[in-house]
All heavy atoms as atom14 arrays in JSON, in Angstrom:
{
  "sequence": "EDLAKWKTVFEEAADVRKGFGSMGVRGFSKSGSPNEVVILGEYADKGK",
  "atom14_mask": [
    [1, 1, 1, 1, 1, 1, 1, 1, 1, 0, 0, 0, 0, 0],
    [1, 1, 1, 1, 1, 1, 1, 1, 0, 0, 0, 0, 0, 0],
    [1, 1, 1, 1, 1, 1, 1, 1, 0, 0, 0, 0, 0, 0],
    [1, 1, 1, 1, 1, 0, 0, 0, 0, 0, 0, 0, 0, 0],
    [1, 1, 1, 1, 1, 1, 1, 1, 1, 0, 0, 0, 0, 0],
    [1, 1, 1, 1, 1, 1, 1, 1, 1, 1, 1, 1, 1, 1],
    [1, 1, 1, 1, 1, 1, 1, 1, 1, 0, 0, 0, 0, 0],
    [1, 1, 1, 1, 1, 1, 1, 0, 0, 0, 0, 0, 0, 0],
    [1, 1, 1, 1, 1, 1, 1, 0, 0, 0, 0, 0, 0, 0],
    [1, 1, 1, 1, 1, 1, 1, 1, 1, 1, 1, 0, 0, 0],
    [1, 1, 1, 1, 1, 1, 1, 1, 1, 0, 0, 0, 0, 0],
    [1, 1, 1, 1, 1, 1, 1, 1, 1, 0, 0, 0, 0, 0],
    [1, 1, 1, 1, 1, 0, 0, 0, 0, 0, 0, 0, 0, 0],
    [1, 1, 1, 1, 1, 0, 0, 0, 0, 0, 0, 0, 0, 0],
    [1, 1, 1, 1, 1, 1, 1, 1, 0, 0, 0, 0, 0, 0],
    [1, 1, 1, 1, 1, 1, 1, 0, 0, 0, 0, 0, 0, 0],
    [1, 1, 1, 1, 1, 1, 1, 1, 1, 1, 1, 0, 0, 0],
    [1, 1, 1, 1, 1, 1, 1, 1, 1, 0, 0, 0, 0, 0],
    [1, 1, 1, 1, 0, 0, 0, 0, 0, 0, 0, 0, 0, 0],
    [1, 1, 1, 1, 1, 1, 1, 1, 1, 1, 1, 0, 0, 0],
    [1, 1, 1, 1, 0, 0, 0, 0, 0, 0, 0, 0, 0, 0],
    [1, 1, 1, 1, 1, 1, 0, 0, 0, 0, 0, 0, 0, 0],
    [1, 1, 1, 1, 1, 1, 1, 1, 0, 0, 0, 0, 0, 0],
    [1, 1, 1, 1, 0, 0, 0, 0, 0, 0, 0, 0, 0, 0],
    [1, 1, 1, 1, 1, 1, 1, 0, 0, 0, 0, 0, 0, 0],
    [1, 1, 1, 1, 1, 1, 1, 1, 1, 1, 1, 0, 0, 0],
    [1, 1, 1, 1, 0, 0, 0, 0, 0, 0, 0, 0, 0, 0],
    [1, 1, 1, 1, 1, 1, 1, 1, 1, 1, 1, 0, 0, 0],
    [1, 1, 1, 1, 1, 1, 0, 0, 0, 0, 0, 0, 0, 0],
    [1, 1, 1, 1, 1, 1, 1, 1, 1, 0, 0, 0, 0, 0],
    [1, 1, 1, 1, 1, 1, 0, 0, 0, 0, 0, 0, 0, 0],
    [1, 1, 1, 1, 0, 0, 0, 0, 0, 0, 0, 0, 0, 0],
    [1, 1, 1, 1, 1, 1, 0, 0, 0, 0, 0, 0, 0, 0],
    [1, 1, 1, 1, 1, 1, 1, 0, 0, 0, 0, 0, 0, 0],
    [1, 1, 1, 1, 1, 1, 1, 1, 0, 0, 0, 0, 0, 0],
    [1, 1, 1, 1, 1, 1, 1, 1, 1, 0, 0, 0, 0, 0],
    [1, 1, 1, 1, 1, 1, 1, 0, 0, 0, 0, 0, 0, 0],
    [1, 1, 1, 1, 1, 1, 1, 0, 0, 0, 0, 0, 0, 0],
    [1, 1, 1, 1, 1, 1, 1, 1, 0, 0, 0, 0, 0, 0],
    [1, 1, 1, 1, 1, 1, 1, 1, 0, 0, 0, 0, 0, 0],
    [1, 1, 1, 1, 0, 0, 0, 0, 0, 0, 0, 0, 0, 0],
    [1, 1, 1, 1, 1, 1, 1, 1, 1, 0, 0, 0, 0, 0],
    [1, 1, 1, 1, 1, 1, 1, 1, 1, 1, 1, 1, 0, 0],
    [1, 1, 1, 1, 1, 0, 0, 0, 0, 0, 0, 0, 0, 0],
    [1, 1, 1, 1, 1, 1, 1, 1, 0, 0, 0, 0, 0, 0],
    [1, 1, 1, 1, 1, 1, 1, 1, 1, 0, 0, 0, 0, 0],
    [1, 1, 1, 1, 0, 0, 0, 0, 0, 0, 0, 0, 0, 0],
    [1, 1, 1, 1, 1, 1, 1, 1, 1, 0, 0, 0, 0, 0]
  ],
  "atom14_positions": [
    [[6.28, 7.15, 10.23], [6.42, 7.56, 11.63], [5.79, 6.53, 12.56], [6.33, 6.21, 13.62], [5.75, 8.92, 11.85], [6.41, 10.04, 11.09], [5.56, 11.31, 11.08], [4.47, 11.34, 11.7], [5.99, 12.28, 10.42], [0.0, 0.0, 0.0], [0.0, 0.0, 0.0], [0.0, 0.0, 0.0], [0.0, 0.0, 0.0], [0.0, 0.0, 0.0]],
    [[4.62, 6.02, 12.17], [3.84, 5.11, 13.01], [3.12, 4.12, 12.1], [2.29, 4.51, 11.28], [2.85, 5.92, 13.84], [1.97, 5.06, 14.7], [1.01, 4.46, 14.17], [2.24, 4.98, 15.91], [0.0, 0.0, 0.0], [0.0, 0.0, 0.0], [0.0, 0.0, 0.0], [0.0, 0.0, 0.0], [0.0, 0.0, 0.0], [0.0, 0.0, 0.0]],
    [[3.42, 2.83, 12.24], [2.87, 1.81, 11.34], [1.34, 1.75, 11.42], [0.67, 1.65, 10.39], [3.48, 0.45, 11.65], [3.08, -0.69, 10.71], [3.53, -0.42, 9.29], [3.64, -2.01, 11.21], [0.0, 0.0, 0.0], [0.0, 0.0, 0.0], [0.0, 0.0, 0.0], [0.0, 0.0, 0.0], [0.0, 0.0, 0.0], [0.0, 0.0, 0.0]],
    [[0.77, 1.82, 12.61], [-0.69, 1.72, 12.76], [-1.38, 2.91, 12.08], [-2.4, 2.72, 11.39], [-1.07, 1.65, 14.23], [0.0, 0.0, 0.0], [0.0, 0.0, 0.0], [0.0, 0.0, 0.0], [0.0, 0.0, 0.0], [0.0, 0.0, 0.0], [0.0, 0.0, 0.0], [0.0, 0.0, 0.0], [0.0, 0.0, 0.0], [0.0, 0.0, 0.0]],
    [[-0.84, 4.1, 12.24], [-1.41, 5.29, 11.59], [-1.33, 5.14, 10.07], [-2.3, 5.39, 9.36], [-0.65, 6.54, 12.04], [-1.07, 7.8, 11.34], [-0.22, 8.98, 11.77], [-0.51, 10.21, 10.95], [0.36, 11.33, 11.32], [0.0, 0.0, 0.0], [0.0, 0.0, 0.0], [0.0, 0.0, 0.0], [0.0, 0.0, 0.0], [0.0, 0.0, 0.0]],
    [[-0.16, 4.73, 9.57], [-0.01, 4.55, 8.13], [-1.01, 3.53, 7.6], [-1.66, 3.76, 6.58], [1.42, 4.1, 7.79], [1.48, 3.59, 6.4], [1.59, 4.33, 5.26], [1.36, 2.23, 5.99], [1.54, 3.5, 4.16], [1.4, 2.21, 4.58], [1.21, 1.01, 6.67], [1.29, 1.04, 3.85], [1.12, -0.15, 5.94], [1.16, -0.13, 4.54]],
    [[-1.16, 2.41, 8.29], [-2.04, 1.33, 7.82], [-3.48, 1.81, 7.69], [-4.16, 1.5, 6.71], [-1.96, 0.14, 8.78], [-2.7, -1.08, 8.29], [-2.45, -2.26, 9.23], [-3.15, -3.5, 8.75], [-4.45, -3.69, 9.34], [0.0, 0.0, 0.0], [0.0, 0.0, 0.0], [0.0, 0.0, 0.0], [0.0, 0.0, 0.0], [0.0, 0.0, 0.0]],
    [[-3.95, 2.6, 8.64], [-5.3, 3.14, 8.58], [-5.5, 3.99, 7.34], [-6.47, 3.82, 6.59], [-5.61, 3.96, 9.85], [-5.52, 3.09, 10.98], [-6.98, 4.59, 9.78], [0.0, 0.0, 0.0], [0.0, 0.0, 0.0], [0.0, 0.0, 0.0], [0.0, 0.0, 0.0], [0.0, 0.0, 0.0], [0.0, 0.0, 0.0], [0.0, 0.0, 0.0]],
    [[-4.58, 4.91, 7.08], [-4.69, 5.79, 5.91], [-4.55, 4.99, 4.63], [-5.28, 5.21, 3.66], [-3.64, 6.93, 5.97], [-3.66, 7.77, 4.7], [-3.87, 7.8, 7.2], [0.0, 0.0, 0.0], [0.0, 0.0, 0.0], [0.0, 0.0, 0.0], [0.0, 0.0, 0.0], [0.0, 0.0, 0.0], [0.0, 0.0, 0.0], [0.0, 0.0, 0.0]],
    [[-3.65, 4.02, 4.61], [-3.44, 3.19, 3.42], [-4.72, 2.43, 3.07], [-5.12, 2.37, 1.91], [-2.29, 2.23, 3.66], [-1.91, 1.43, 2.46], [-1.21, 2.01, 1.41], [-2.25, 0.09, 2.36], [-0.85, 1.28, 0.29], [-1.89, -0.65, 1.25], [-1.2, -0.06, 0.21], [0.0, 0.0, 0.0], [0.0, 0.0, 0.0], [0.0, 0.0, 0.0]],
    [[-5.37, 1.85, 4.08], [-6.62, 1.13, 3.82], [-7.71, 2.06, 3.34], [-8.5, 1.71, 2.46], [-7.04, 0.37, 5.08], [-6.12, -0.8, 5.38], [-6.37, -1.44, 6.74], [-7.11, -0.86, 7.59], [-5.8, -2.53, 6.97], [0.0, 0.0, 0.0], [0.0, 0.0, 0.0], [0.0, 0.0, 0.0], [0.0, 0.0, 0.0], [0.0, 0.0, 0.0]],
    [[-7.77, 3.28, 3.88], [-8.77, 4.26, 3.45], [-8.55, 4.71, 2.01], [-9.49, 5.16, 1.35], [-8.75, 5.48, 4.38], [-9.25, 5.18, 5.78], [-9.0, 6.34, 6.75], [-8.32, 7.33, 6.37], [-9.47, 6.24, 7.89], [0.0, 0.0, 0.0], [0.0, 0.0, 0.0], [0.0, 0.0, 0.0], [0.0, 0.0, 0.0], [0.0, 0.0, 0.0]],
    [[-7.33, 4.61, 1.51], [-7.0, 5.07, 0.15], [-7.25, 4.0, -0.91], [-6.85, 4.18, -2.06], [-5.55, 5.54, 0.1], [0.0, 0.0, 0.0], [0.0, 0.0, 0.0], [0.0, 0.0, 0.0], [0.0, 0.0, 0.0], [0.0, 0.0, 0.0], [0.0, 0.0, 0.0], [0.0, 0.0, 0.0], [0.0, 0.0, 0.0], [0.0, 0.0, 0.0]],
    [[-7.93, 2.93, -0.57], [-8.17, 1.84, -1.53], [-8.89, 2.34, -2.78], [-8.55, 1.92, -3.9], [-8.97, 0.72, -0.87], [0.0, 0.0, 0.0], [0.0, 0.0, 0.0], [0.0, 0.0, 0.0], [0.0, 0.0, 0.0], [0.0, 0.0, 0.0], [0.0, 0.0, 0.0], [0.0, 0.0, 0.0], [0.0, 0.0, 0.0], [0.0, 0.0, 0.0]],
    [[-9.86, 3.23, -2.64], [-10.58, 3.73, -3.8], [-9.69, 4.54, -4.73], [-9.88, 4.52, -5.95], [-11.79, 4.57, -3.37], [-12.91, 3.71, -2.8], [-12.95, 2.5, -3.08], [-13.76, 4.27, -2.06], [0.0, 0.0, 0.0], [0.0, 0.0, 0.0], [0.0, 0.0, 0.0], [0.0, 0.0, 0.0], [0.0, 0.0, 0.0], [0.0, 0.0, 0.0]],
    [[-8.73, 5.25, -4.16], [-7.78, 6.01, -4.99], [-6.97, 5.02, -5.84], [-6.85, 5.18, -7.05], [-6.84, 6.88, -4.13], [-5.73, 7.49, -4.99], [-7.62, 7.96, -3.41], [0.0, 0.0, 0.0], [0.0, 0.0, 0.0], [0.0, 0.0, 0.0], [0.0, 0.0, 0.0], [0.0, 0.0, 0.0], [0.0, 0.0, 0.0], [0.0, 0.0, 0.0]],
    [[-6.44, 3.97, -5.2], [-5.66, 2.97, -5.94], [-6.51, 2.31, -7.02], [-6.08, 2.16, -8.16], [-5.08, 1.93, -4.98], [-3.97, 2.46, -4.12], [-3.27, 1.36, -3.33], [-4.18, 0.62, -2.45], [-4.53, 1.02, -1.23], [-4.07, 2.16, -0.75], [-5.34, 0.28, -0.49], [0.0, 0.0, 0.0], [0.0, 0.0, 0.0], [0.0, 0.0, 0.0]],
    [[-7.73, 1.93, -6.67], [-8.63, 1.29, -7.64], [-8.9, 2.2, -8.82], [-8.98, 1.75, -9.96], [-9.93, 0.87, -6.97], [-9.78, -0.32, -6.06], [-11.11, -0.66, -5.39], [-10.93, -1.74, -4.34], [-12.18, -2.0, -3.62], [0.0, 0.0, 0.0], [0.0, 0.0, 0.0], [0.0, 0.0, 0.0], [0.0, 0.0, 0.0], [0.0, 0.0, 0.0]],
    [[-9.06, 3.49, -8.55], [-9.31, 4.46, -9.61], [-8.17, 4.56, -10.61], [-8.37, 4.96, -11.76], [0.0, 0.0, 0.0], [0.0, 0.0, 0.0], [0.0, 0.0, 0.0], [0.0, 0.0, 0.0], [0.0, 0.0, 0.0], [0.0, 0.0, 0.0], [0.0, 0.0, 0.0], [0.0, 0.0, 0.0], [0.0, 0.0, 0.0], [0.0, 0.0, 0.0]],
    [[-6.98, 4.17, -10.2], [-5.81, 4.19, -11.08], [-5.45, 2.79, -11.57], [-4.35, 2.56, -12.05], [-4.62, 4.85, -10.38], [-4.72, 6.35, -10.3], [-5.21, 6.97, -9.16], [-4.35, 7.14, -11.37], [-5.31, 8.35, -9.08], [-4.44, 8.52, -11.31], [-4.92, 9.13, -10.16], [0.0, 0.0, 0.0], [0.0, 0.0, 0.0], [0.0, 0.0, 0.0]],
    [[-6.37, 1.83, -11.41], [-6.15, 0.51, -11.99], [-5.53, -0.53, -11.08], [-5.09, -1.58, -11.57], [0.0, 0.0, 0.0], [0.0, 0.0, 0.0], [0.0, 0.0, 0.0], [0.0, 0.0, 0.0], [0.0, 0.0, 0.0], [0.0, 0.0, 0.0], [0.0, 0.0, 0.0], [0.0, 0.0, 0.0], [0.0, 0.0, 0.0], [0.0, 0.0, 0.0]],
    [[-5.5, -0.28, -9.77], [-4.94, -1.28, -8.86], [-5.77, -2.55, -8.91], [-6.99, -2.53, -8.86], [-4.92, -0.74, -7.43], [-4.53, -1.77, -6.53], [0.0, 0.0, 0.0], [0.0, 0.0, 0.0], [0.0, 0.0, 0.0], [0.0, 0.0, 0.0], [0.0, 0.0, 0.0], [0.0, 0.0, 0.0], [0.0, 0.0, 0.0], [0.0, 0.0, 0.0]],
    [[-5.06, -3.67, -8.97], [-5.7, -4.98, -8.95], [-5.43, -5.68, -7.62], [-5.76, -6.85, -7.46], [-5.19, -5.8, -10.13], [-5.51, -5.15, -11.47], [-4.66, -5.9, -12.86], [-5.32, -7.56, -12.81], [0.0, 0.0, 0.0], [0.0, 0.0, 0.0], [0.0, 0.0, 0.0], [0.0, 0.0, 0.0], [0.0, 0.0, 0.0], [0.0, 0.0, 0.0]],
    [[-4.8, -4.99, -6.7], [-4.51, -5.53, -5.38], [-3.11, -5.16, -4.93], [-2.24, -4.89, -5.76], [0.0, 0.0, 0.0], [0.0, 0.0, 0.0], [0.0, 0.0, 0.0], [0.0, 0.0, 0.0], [0.0, 0.0, 0.0], [0.0, 0.0, 0.0], [0.0, 0.0, 0.0], [0.0, 0.0, 0.0], [0.0, 0.0, 0.0], [0.0, 0.0, 0.0]],
    [[-2.93, -5.11, -3.64], [-1.63, -4.78, -3.05], [-1.37, -5.68, -1.86], [-2.29, -6.18, -1.22], [-1.57, -3.3, -2.6], [-1.64, -2.35, -3.77], [-2.67, -2.99, -1.6], [0.0, 0.0, 0.0], [0.0, 0.0, 0.0], [0.0, 0.0, 0.0], [0.0, 0.0, 0.0], [0.0, 0.0, 0.0], [0.0, 0.0, 0.0], [0.0, 0.0, 0.0]],
    [[-0.1, -5.87, -1.59], [0.34, -6.58, -0.39], [1.35, -5.68, 0.31], [2.23, -5.11, -0.34], [0.99, -7.91, -0.76], [0.0, -8.86, -1.42], [0.67, -10.13, -1.85], [0.84, -10.97, -0.65], [1.43, -12.15, -0.69], [1.91, -12.63, -1.81], [1.55, -12.86, 0.41], [0.0, 0.0, 0.0], [0.0, 0.0, 0.0], [0.0, 0.0, 0.0]],
    [[1.21, -5.57, 1.63], [2.11, -4.72, 2.39], [2.91, -5.53, 3.38], [2.41, -6.49, 3.97], [0.0, 0.0, 0.0], [0.0, 0.0, 0.0], [0.0, 0.0, 0.0], [0.0, 0.0, 0.0], [0.0, 0.0, 0.0], [0.0, 0.0, 0.0], [0.0, 0.0, 0.0], [0.0, 0.0, 0.0], [0.0, 0.0, 0.0], [0.0, 0.0, 0.0]],
    [[4.16, -5.14, 3.56], [5.08, -5.82, 4.46], [5.84, -4.78, 5.27], [6.13, -3.7, 4.77], [6.11, -6.65, 3.66], [5.49, -7.59, 2.68], [5.19, -7.17, 1.38], [5.21, -8.9, 3.02], [4.63, -8.03, 0.47], [4.65, -9.78, 2.11], [4.35, -9.34, 0.83], [0.0, 0.0, 0.0], [0.0, 0.0, 0.0], [0.0, 0.0, 0.0]],
    [[6.18, -5.15, 6.51], [7.11, -4.31, 7.26], [8.35, -5.15, 7.53], [8.29, -6.37, 7.61], [6.49, -3.8, 8.57], [6.22, -4.86, 9.45], [0.0, 0.0, 0.0], [0.0, 0.0, 0.0], [0.0, 0.0, 0.0], [0.0, 0.0, 0.0], [0.0, 0.0, 0.0], [0.0, 0.0, 0.0], [0.0, 0.0, 0.0], [0.0, 0.0, 0.0]],
    [[9.45, -4.46, 7.65], [10.73, -5.13, 7.84], [10.8, -5.74, 9.24], [10.51, -5.07, 10.23], [11.87, -4.13, 7.63], [13.24, -4.74, 7.64], [14.28, -3.69, 7.3], [15.67, -4.26, 7.32], [16.66, -3.24, 7.0], [0.0, 0.0, 0.0], [0.0, 0.0, 0.0], [0.0, 0.0, 0.0], [0.0, 0.0, 0.0], [0.0, 0.0, 0.0]],
    [[11.17, -7.0, 9.3], [11.33, -7.68, 10.59], [12.36, -6.94, 11.43], [13.45, -6.65, 10.96], [11.81, -9.11, 10.35], [10.91, -10.03, 10.85], [0.0, 0.0, 0.0], [0.0, 0.0, 0.0], [0.0, 0.0, 0.0], [0.0, 0.0, 0.0], [0.0, 0.0, 0.0], [0.0, 0.0, 0.0], [0.0, 0.0, 0.0], [0.0, 0.0, 0.0]],
    [[11.99, -6.61, 12.65], [12.9, -5.91, 13.53], [12.9, -4.4, 13.34], [13.51, -3.67, 14.11], [0.0, 0.0, 0.0], [0.0, 0.0, 0.0], [0.0, 0.0, 0.0], [0.0, 0.0, 0.0], [0.0, 0.0, 0.0], [0.0, 0.0, 0.0], [0.0, 0.0, 0.0], [0.0, 0.0, 0.0], [0.0, 0.0, 0.0], [0.0, 0.0, 0.0]],
    [[12.25, -3.92, 12.29], [12.17, -2.49, 12.01], [10.81, -2.21, 11.37], [10.72, -1.93, 10.17], [13.32, -2.07, 11.08], [13.35, -0.67, 10.93], [0.0, 0.0, 0.0], [0.0, 0.0, 0.0], [0.0, 0.0, 0.0], [0.0, 0.0, 0.0], [0.0, 0.0, 0.0], [0.0, 0.0, 0.0], [0.0, 0.0, 0.0], [0.0, 0.0, 0.0]],
    [[9.73, -2.29, 12.16], [8.38, -2.26, 11.61], [7.98, -0.97, 10.9], [7.01, -0.98, 10.15], [7.49, -2.51, 12.83], [8.31, -2.12, 14.0], [9.74, -2.41, 13.62], [0.0, 0.0, 0.0], [0.0, 0.0, 0.0], [0.0, 0.0, 0.0], [0.0, 0.0, 0.0], [0.0, 0.0, 0.0], [0.0, 0.0, 0.0], [0.0, 0.0, 0.0]],
    [[8.71, 0.09, 11.09], [8.36, 1.33, 10.4], [8.94, 1.41, 9.0], [8.7, 2.38, 8.28], [8.77, 2.54, 11.23], [7.91, 2.69, 12.47], [6.92, 2.0, 12.64], [8.3, 3.57, 13.36], [0.0, 0.0, 0.0], [0.0, 0.0, 0.0], [0.0, 0.0, 0.0], [0.0, 0.0, 0.0], [0.0, 0.0, 0.0], [0.0, 0.0, 0.0]],
    [[9.72, 0.41, 8.6], [10.2, 0.32, 7.22], [9.22, -0.58, 6.48], [9.04, -1.74, 6.81], [11.6, -0.26, 7.17], [12.64, 0.67, 7.75], [14.05, 0.12, 7.62], [14.41, -0.36, 6.52], [14.77, 0.14, 8.63], [0.0, 0.0, 0.0], [0.0, 0.0, 0.0], [0.0, 0.0, 0.0], [0.0, 0.0, 0.0], [0.0, 0.0, 0.0]],
    [[8.56, -0.01, 5.46], [7.45, -0.67, 4.79], [7.78, -0.91, 3.32], [8.42, -0.08, 2.66], [6.16, 0.19, 4.91], [5.0, -0.45, 4.18], [5.82, 0.42, 6.38], [0.0, 0.0, 0.0], [0.0, 0.0, 0.0], [0.0, 0.0, 0.0], [0.0, 0.0, 0.0], [0.0, 0.0, 0.0], [0.0, 0.0, 0.0], [0.0, 0.0, 0.0]],
    [[7.31, -2.05, 2.82], [7.42, -2.38, 1.4], [6.03, -2.79, 0.92], [5.35, -3.6, 1.56], [8.41, -3.55, 1.16], [8.43, -3.95, -0.31], [9.8, -3.17, 1.63], [0.0, 0.0, 0.0], [0.0, 0.0, 0.0], [0.0, 0.0, 0.0], [0.0, 0.0, 0.0], [0.0, 0.0, 0.0], [0.0, 0.0, 0.0], [0.0, 0.0, 0.0]],
    [[5.61, -2.23, -0.18], [4.33, -2.56, -0.8], [4.59, -3.19, -2.15], [5.41, -2.68, -2.93], [3.47, -1.28, -1.01], [3.23, -0.56, 0.31], [2.16, -1.61, -1.72], [2.44, -1.33, 1.31], [0.0, 0.0, 0.0], [0.0, 0.0, 0.0], [0.0, 0.0, 0.0], [0.0, 0.0, 0.0], [0.0, 0.0, 0.0], [0.0, 0.0, 0.0]],
    [[3.89, -4.26, -2.45], [3.92, -4.85, -3.78], [2.52, -4.73, -4.34], [1.57, -5.3, -3.81], [4.36, -6.32, -3.74], [4.39, -7.02, -5.1], [5.38, -6.34, -6.05], [4.73, -8.48, -4.93], [0.0, 0.0, 0.0], [0.0, 0.0, 0.0], [0.0, 0.0, 0.0], [0.0, 0.0, 0.0], [0.0, 0.0, 0.0], [0.0, 0.0, 0.0]],
    [[2.38, -3.94, -5.39], [1.08, -3.71, -6.01], [1.02, -4.25, -7.42], [2.04, -4.35, -8.1], [0.0, 0.0, 0.0], [0.0, 0.0, 0.0], [0.0, 0.0, 0.0], [0.0, 0.0, 0.0], [0.0, 0.0, 0.0], [0.0, 0.0, 0.0], [0.0, 0.0, 0.0], [0.0, 0.0, 0.0], [0.0, 0.0, 0.0], [0.0, 0.0, 0.0]],
    [[-0.18, -4.61, -7.82], [-0.42, -5.11, -9.18], [-1.39, -4.14, -9.85], [-2.45, -3.83, -9.29], [-1.02, -6.51, -9.07], [-1.22, -7.2, -10.38], [-1.73, -8.63, -10.18], [-1.71, -9.15, -9.05], [-2.17, -9.21, -11.19], [0.0, 0.0, 0.0], [0.0, 0.0, 0.0], [0.0, 0.0, 0.0], [0.0, 0.0, 0.0], [0.0, 0.0, 0.0]],
    [[-1.01, -3.66, -11.03], [-1.82, -2.67, -11.73], [-2.09, -3.13, -13.16], [-1.27, -3.8, -13.79], [-1.09, -1.31, -11.76], [-1.1, -0.65, -10.41], [-0.17, -1.02, -9.42], [-2.04, 0.3, -10.09], [-0.21, -0.46, -8.17], [-2.07, 0.88, -8.82], [-1.16, 0.49, -7.88], [-1.19, 1.05, -6.62], [0.0, 0.0, 0.0], [0.0, 0.0, 0.0]],
    [[-3.24, -2.73, -13.66], [-3.65, -3.11, -15.0], [-2.81, -2.43, -16.07], [-2.58, -3.0, -17.14], [-5.13, -2.79, -15.21], [0.0, 0.0, 0.0], [0.0, 0.0, 0.0], [0.0, 0.0, 0.0], [0.0, 0.0, 0.0], [0.0, 0.0, 0.0], [0.0, 0.0, 0.0], [0.0, 0.0, 0.0], [0.0, 0.0, 0.0], [0.0, 0.0, 0.0]],
    [[-2.32, -1.23, -15.76], [-1.66, -0.43, -16.79], [-0.54, 0.4, -16.16], [-0.78, 1.11, -15.16], [-2.71, 0.49, -17.44], [-2.13, 1.4, -18.48], [-1.9, 0.94, -19.61], [-1.91, 2.59, -18.16], [0.0, 0.0, 0.0], [0.0, 0.0, 0.0], [0.0, 0.0, 0.0], [0.0, 0.0, 0.0], [0.0, 0.0, 0.0], [0.0, 0.0, 0.0]],
    [[0.64, 0.34, -16.73], [1.78, 1.08, -16.18], [1.55, 2.59, -16.21], [1.86, 3.29, -15.25], [3.06, 0.74, -16.94], [4.29, 1.44, -16.39], [5.54, 1.07, -17.15], [6.76, 1.8, -16.6], [7.98, 1.46, -17.35], [0.0, 0.0, 0.0], [0.0, 0.0, 0.0], [0.0, 0.0, 0.0], [0.0, 0.0, 0.0], [0.0, 0.0, 0.0]],
    [[0.99, 3.09, -17.3], [0.75, 4.52, -17.42], [-0.17, 5.05, -16.33], [0.1, 6.1, -15.73], [0.0, 0.0, 0.0], [0.0, 0.0, 0.0], [0.0, 0.0, 0.0], [0.0, 0.0, 0.0], [0.0, 0.0, 0.0], [0.0, 0.0, 0.0], [0.0, 0.0, 0.0], [0.0, 0.0, 0.0], [0.0, 0.0, 0.0], [0.0, 0.0, 0.0]],
    [[-1.25, 4.33, -16.06], [-2.17, 4.76, -15.01], [-1.52, 4.66, -13.63], [-1.74, 5.51, -12.78], [-3.45, 3.93, -15.07], [-4.35, 4.31, -16.24], [-5.64, 3.55, -16.23], [-6.56, 4.18, -15.21], [-7.92, 3.62, -15.23], [0.0, 0.0, 0.0], [0.0, 0.0, 0.0], [0.0, 0.0, 0.0], [0.0, 0.0, 0.0], [0.0, 0.0, 0.0]]
  ]
}
């Protein structure tokens, strides 16, 4: 709904991602349509 609101919550959820094995994430919004978001994450384990 709102990119700034989403970004705040996404950054606050870092500990949740880390708890499931996140090794880092990169976020992108679509040029010309900033509310369309793509995240590329790297995880230690697919199951987690």
